Amino acid sequence: MSDSTLEVIRHPLIEHKLSFMRDKRTSPAEFKELLDQITLLMTCHVTRGLEGDEVSVETPLEITRARRIREDRIVIVPVLRAGLGMADAVRKLIPGARVGHLGFYRNEETLEPVRYYGKLPPQSGRATFLVVDPMLGTGGTADAAVAELKSHGATDIRMMCVVASPEGAAHLSARHPDVPVYTAALDRQLNAVGYIVPGLGDAGDRVFGTS
């Protein structure tokens, strides 16, 4: 699949850790730790274009100039509930980032997302929004999350997921061609009930041990 908005972050460590996430024998605790590690590796890549402000820093030897980003202008938006498994890892690297929350559940008959919760910080126009959700399946939930952020005034939105389907990536690209999507893997397809295959199962269940 060729898609200008989708970028698969290829790295041996990411591929190595993802192999254990896919394994059905991996425990919830191990799954969450692997998700943290992959998210950390991805975050370095996803934020590479952020601009920093020049500051003066006194080292043990002299005063020098350095660059620092405005962490408070970064907003992490986990899509509940599975996205919570990625948010803490991003905050390890950007502790000053703010966190919004968007909650959706999937109607199992229509496969359409149904919103049940939303809380976003004010003054969104100048912020960079990192939408995090381990799975980009049909693309419906990601579409709804991005649309809500745009209605809130967001203009710089980046989507992070661990596994994406071609159908979901194409859907999000068609609906929001201005939103880059970063994933650790582009899987084969969706199955008849809208799950990514080969995938890694229900990420929320595997993070929280509810499967």
Protein backbone atom coordinates (compact mmCIF):
# COMPACT_ATOMS: atom_id res chain seq x y z
CA MET A 1 0.00 0.00 0.00
CA SER A 2 1.28 3.46 -0.90
CA ASP A 3 -0.15 6.26 1.20
CA SER A 4 1.36 9.70 1.59
CA THR A 5 0.00 10.14 5.12
CA LEU A 6 1.23 6.80 6.46
CA GLU A 7 4.75 6.11 7.65
CA VAL A 8 5.86 2.73 8.95
CA ILE A 9 8.69 3.28 11.43
CA ARG A 10 11.10 0.48 10.68
CA HIS A 11 13.65 -0.36 13.37
CA PRO A 12 15.06 -3.72 14.45
CA LEU A 13 14.22 -3.08 18.11
CA ILE A 14 10.63 -2.21 17.27
CA GLU A 15 10.24 -5.32 15.12
CA HIS A 16 11.82 -7.46 17.86
CA LYS A 17 9.52 -6.17 20.60
CA LEU A 18 6.44 -6.30 18.39
CA SER A 19 7.05 -10.01 17.81
CA PHE A 20 6.53 -10.59 21.54
CA MET A 21 3.45 -8.33 21.62
CA ARG A 22 1.86 -10.47 18.92
CA ASP A 23 2.51 -13.70 20.85
CA LYS A 24 -0.70 -14.83 22.59
CA ARG A 25 1.39 -16.26 25.44
CA THR A 26 2.68 -12.80 26.46
CA SER A 27 1.25 -11.78 29.85
CA PRO A 28 -0.58 -8.46 30.39
CA ALA A 29 2.36 -7.07 32.39
CA GLU A 30 4.84 -8.04 29.67
CA PHE A 31 2.50 -6.73 26.97
CA LYS A 32 2.24 -3.34 28.70
CA GLU A 33 6.01 -3.08 29.13
CA LEU A 34 6.57 -3.90 25.46
CA LEU A 35 3.96 -1.32 24.48
CA ASP A 36 5.79 1.27 26.60
CA GLN A 37 9.10 0.45 24.95
CA ILE A 38 7.76 0.60 21.41
CA THR A 39 5.96 3.86 22.18
CA LEU A 40 9.18 5.40 23.50
CA LEU A 41 11.04 4.43 20.33
CA MET A 42 8.24 5.77 18.13
CA THR A 43 7.89 9.04 20.04
CA CYS A 44 11.48 10.02 19.24
CA HIS A 45 10.64 9.68 15.55
CA VAL A 46 7.18 11.27 15.61
CA THR A 47 8.42 14.43 17.39
CA ARG A 48 11.56 14.92 15.31
CA GLY A 49 10.15 18.01 13.57
CA LEU A 50 9.34 19.97 16.73
CA GLU A 51 11.05 23.34 16.95
CA GLY A 52 12.82 24.42 20.13
CA ASP A 53 13.46 27.84 21.63
CA GLU A 54 17.03 28.96 22.16
CA VAL A 55 18.00 29.27 25.83
CA SER A 56 21.11 30.06 27.82
CA VAL A 57 22.51 27.20 29.92
CA GLU A 58 25.34 27.32 32.41
CA THR A 59 27.41 24.15 32.26
CA PRO A 60 30.08 23.33 34.89
CA LEU A 61 32.57 25.00 32.54
CA GLU A 62 30.85 27.91 30.78
CA ILE A 63 27.61 29.43 29.54
CA THR A 64 26.35 28.02 26.25
CA ARG A 65 23.30 28.19 24.05
CA ALA A 66 20.88 25.26 23.75
CA ARG A 67 17.40 24.54 22.44
CA ARG A 68 14.36 23.49 24.46
CA ILE A 69 10.90 22.63 23.20
CA ARG A 70 7.76 24.03 24.82
CA GLU A 71 6.49 20.86 26.46
CA ASP A 72 3.25 22.56 27.50
CA ARG A 73 2.40 23.01 23.82
CA ILE A 74 2.30 19.26 23.31
CA VAL A 75 -0.97 17.48 24.07
CA ILE A 76 -1.13 13.70 24.31
CA VAL A 77 -4.58 12.35 23.48
CA PRO A 78 -5.07 8.68 24.29
CA VAL A 79 -8.15 7.15 22.71
CA LEU A 80 -9.78 5.30 25.60
CA ARG A 81 -9.20 2.81 26.73
CA ALA A 82 -6.31 1.12 24.91
CA GLY A 83 -4.59 4.45 24.23
CA LEU A 84 -3.93 4.83 27.94
CA GLY A 85 -1.33 2.11 27.50
CA MET A 86 0.74 4.46 25.32
CA ALA A 87 0.19 7.81 27.05
CA ASP A 88 2.42 7.14 30.06
CA ALA A 89 5.34 6.22 27.81
CA VAL A 90 5.07 9.46 25.85
CA ARG A 91 4.99 11.42 29.12
CA LYS A 92 8.22 9.76 30.22
CA LEU A 93 9.93 11.63 27.39
CA ILE A 94 7.77 14.77 27.57
CA PRO A 95 6.73 15.12 31.24
CA GLY A 96 5.47 18.67 30.74
CA ALA A 97 2.97 17.66 28.07
CA ARG A 98 -0.72 18.06 28.77
CA VAL A 99 -3.10 15.13 28.39
CA GLY A 100 -6.57 15.11 26.89
CA HIS A 101 -8.88 12.12 26.73
CA LEU A 102 -11.34 10.92 24.12
CA GLY A 103 -13.47 7.86 24.81
CA PHE A 104 -15.19 5.75 22.16
CA TYR A 105 -16.63 2.27 22.06
CA ARG A 106 -17.38 0.32 18.91
CA ASN A 107 -20.90 -0.65 17.98
CA GLU A 108 -20.34 -4.35 17.28
CA GLU A 109 -23.13 -4.43 14.67
CA THR A 110 -22.23 -1.36 12.62
CA LEU A 111 -18.51 -1.22 13.62
CA GLU A 112 -19.01 2.55 14.00
CA PRO A 113 -17.48 4.45 16.94
CA VAL A 114 -19.76 5.84 19.65
CA ARG A 115 -18.32 8.68 21.74
CA TYR A 116 -18.90 8.51 25.48
CA TYR A 117 -16.28 10.89 26.92
CA GLY A 118 -14.19 13.90 25.95
CA LYS A 119 -11.93 16.24 27.89
CA LEU A 120 -9.39 18.42 26.09
CA PRO A 121 -7.21 21.31 27.26
CA PRO A 122 -8.04 24.85 26.13
CA GLN A 123 -5.99 26.97 23.72
CA SER A 124 -5.48 24.23 21.16
CA GLY A 125 -4.49 26.31 18.14
CA ARG A 126 -0.77 26.45 18.89
CA ALA A 127 -0.39 22.95 20.31
CA THR A 128 0.88 19.75 18.74
CA PHE A 129 -1.56 16.89 19.36
CA LEU A 130 -0.29 13.33 19.54
CA VAL A 131 -3.24 10.96 19.22
CA VAL A 132 -2.25 7.56 20.58
CA ASP A 133 -4.07 4.27 20.08
CA PRO A 134 -2.32 0.90 19.69
CA MET A 135 -4.61 -0.23 16.86
CA LEU A 136 -5.78 1.56 13.70
CA GLY A 137 -8.45 -0.87 12.54
CA THR A 138 -11.41 0.38 10.50
CA GLY A 139 -10.21 3.96 10.99
CA GLY A 140 -13.60 5.07 12.24
CA THR A 141 -12.50 5.85 15.80
CA ALA A 142 -9.35 7.64 14.65
CA ASP A 143 -11.45 9.65 12.18
CA ALA A 144 -13.87 10.66 14.94
CA ALA A 145 -11.02 11.57 17.32
CA VAL A 146 -9.24 13.73 14.74
CA ALA A 147 -12.50 15.42 13.73
CA GLU A 148 -13.19 16.34 17.35
CA LEU A 149 -9.69 17.77 17.78
CA LYS A 150 -10.13 19.88 14.66
CA SER A 151 -13.46 21.17 15.96
CA HIS A 152 -11.56 22.11 19.12
CA GLY A 153 -9.15 24.26 17.06
CA ALA A 154 -6.26 21.83 16.61
CA THR A 155 -4.21 22.24 13.44
CA ASP A 156 -1.10 20.12 14.14
CA ILE A 157 -2.31 16.55 14.72
CA ARG A 158 -0.20 13.39 14.51
CA MET A 159 -1.54 9.86 14.88
CA MET A 160 0.54 7.14 16.57
CA CYS A 161 -0.40 3.47 16.53
CA VAL A 162 1.46 0.20 16.86
CA VAL A 163 -0.43 -1.84 14.25
CA ALA A 164 -2.49 -0.46 11.35
CA SER A 165 -4.68 -2.06 8.72
CA PRO A 166 -4.57 -0.92 5.08
CA GLU A 167 -8.31 -0.19 5.26
CA GLY A 168 -7.96 2.01 8.35
CA ALA A 169 -4.97 3.90 7.02
CA ALA A 170 -6.76 4.56 3.73
CA HIS A 171 -9.92 5.70 5.52
CA LEU A 172 -8.05 8.16 7.72
CA SER A 173 -5.99 9.45 4.81
CA ALA A 174 -9.12 10.10 2.74
CA ARG A 175 -10.86 11.89 5.60
CA HIS A 176 -7.84 13.78 6.97
CA PRO A 177 -5.05 14.06 4.39
CA ASP A 178 -3.32 16.67 6.56
CA VAL A 179 -2.79 14.24 9.48
CA PRO A 180 0.34 12.05 9.34
CA VAL A 181 -0.04 8.52 10.66
CA TYR A 182 2.92 6.72 12.24
CA THR A 183 2.79 2.99 12.86
CA ALA A 184 5.16 0.21 13.82
CA ALA A 185 3.53 -2.26 11.41
CA LEU A 186 1.07 -2.27 8.52
CA ASP A 187 -0.74 -5.61 8.72
CA ARG A 188 -2.49 -7.57 5.98
CA GLN A 189 -6.18 -6.70 6.37
CA LEU A 190 -9.29 -6.55 8.53
CA ASN A 191 -11.26 -9.74 9.12
CA ALA A 192 -15.03 -10.08 8.84
CA VAL A 193 -15.65 -8.56 12.28
CA GLY A 194 -13.27 -5.62 11.87
CA TYR A 195 -10.18 -6.93 13.68
CA ILE A 196 -6.69 -6.51 12.26
CA VAL A 197 -5.00 -9.69 11.08
CA PRO A 198 -2.53 -11.02 11.89
CA GLY A 199 -2.75 -8.26 14.51
CA LEU A 200 -2.15 -8.74 18.21
CA GLY A 201 -5.67 -9.21 19.52
CA ASP A 202 -7.66 -6.64 21.49
CA ALA A 203 -4.98 -4.27 22.78
CA GLY A 204 -7.14 -2.93 25.61
CA ASP A 205 -7.91 -6.40 26.89
CA ARG A 206 -4.27 -7.43 26.67
CA VAL A 207 -3.01 -4.31 28.48
CA PHE A 208 -5.53 -4.52 31.30
CA GLY A 209 -5.88 -8.30 31.53
CA THR A 210 -9.60 -8.36 30.70
CA SER A 211 -9.58 -10.92 27.89
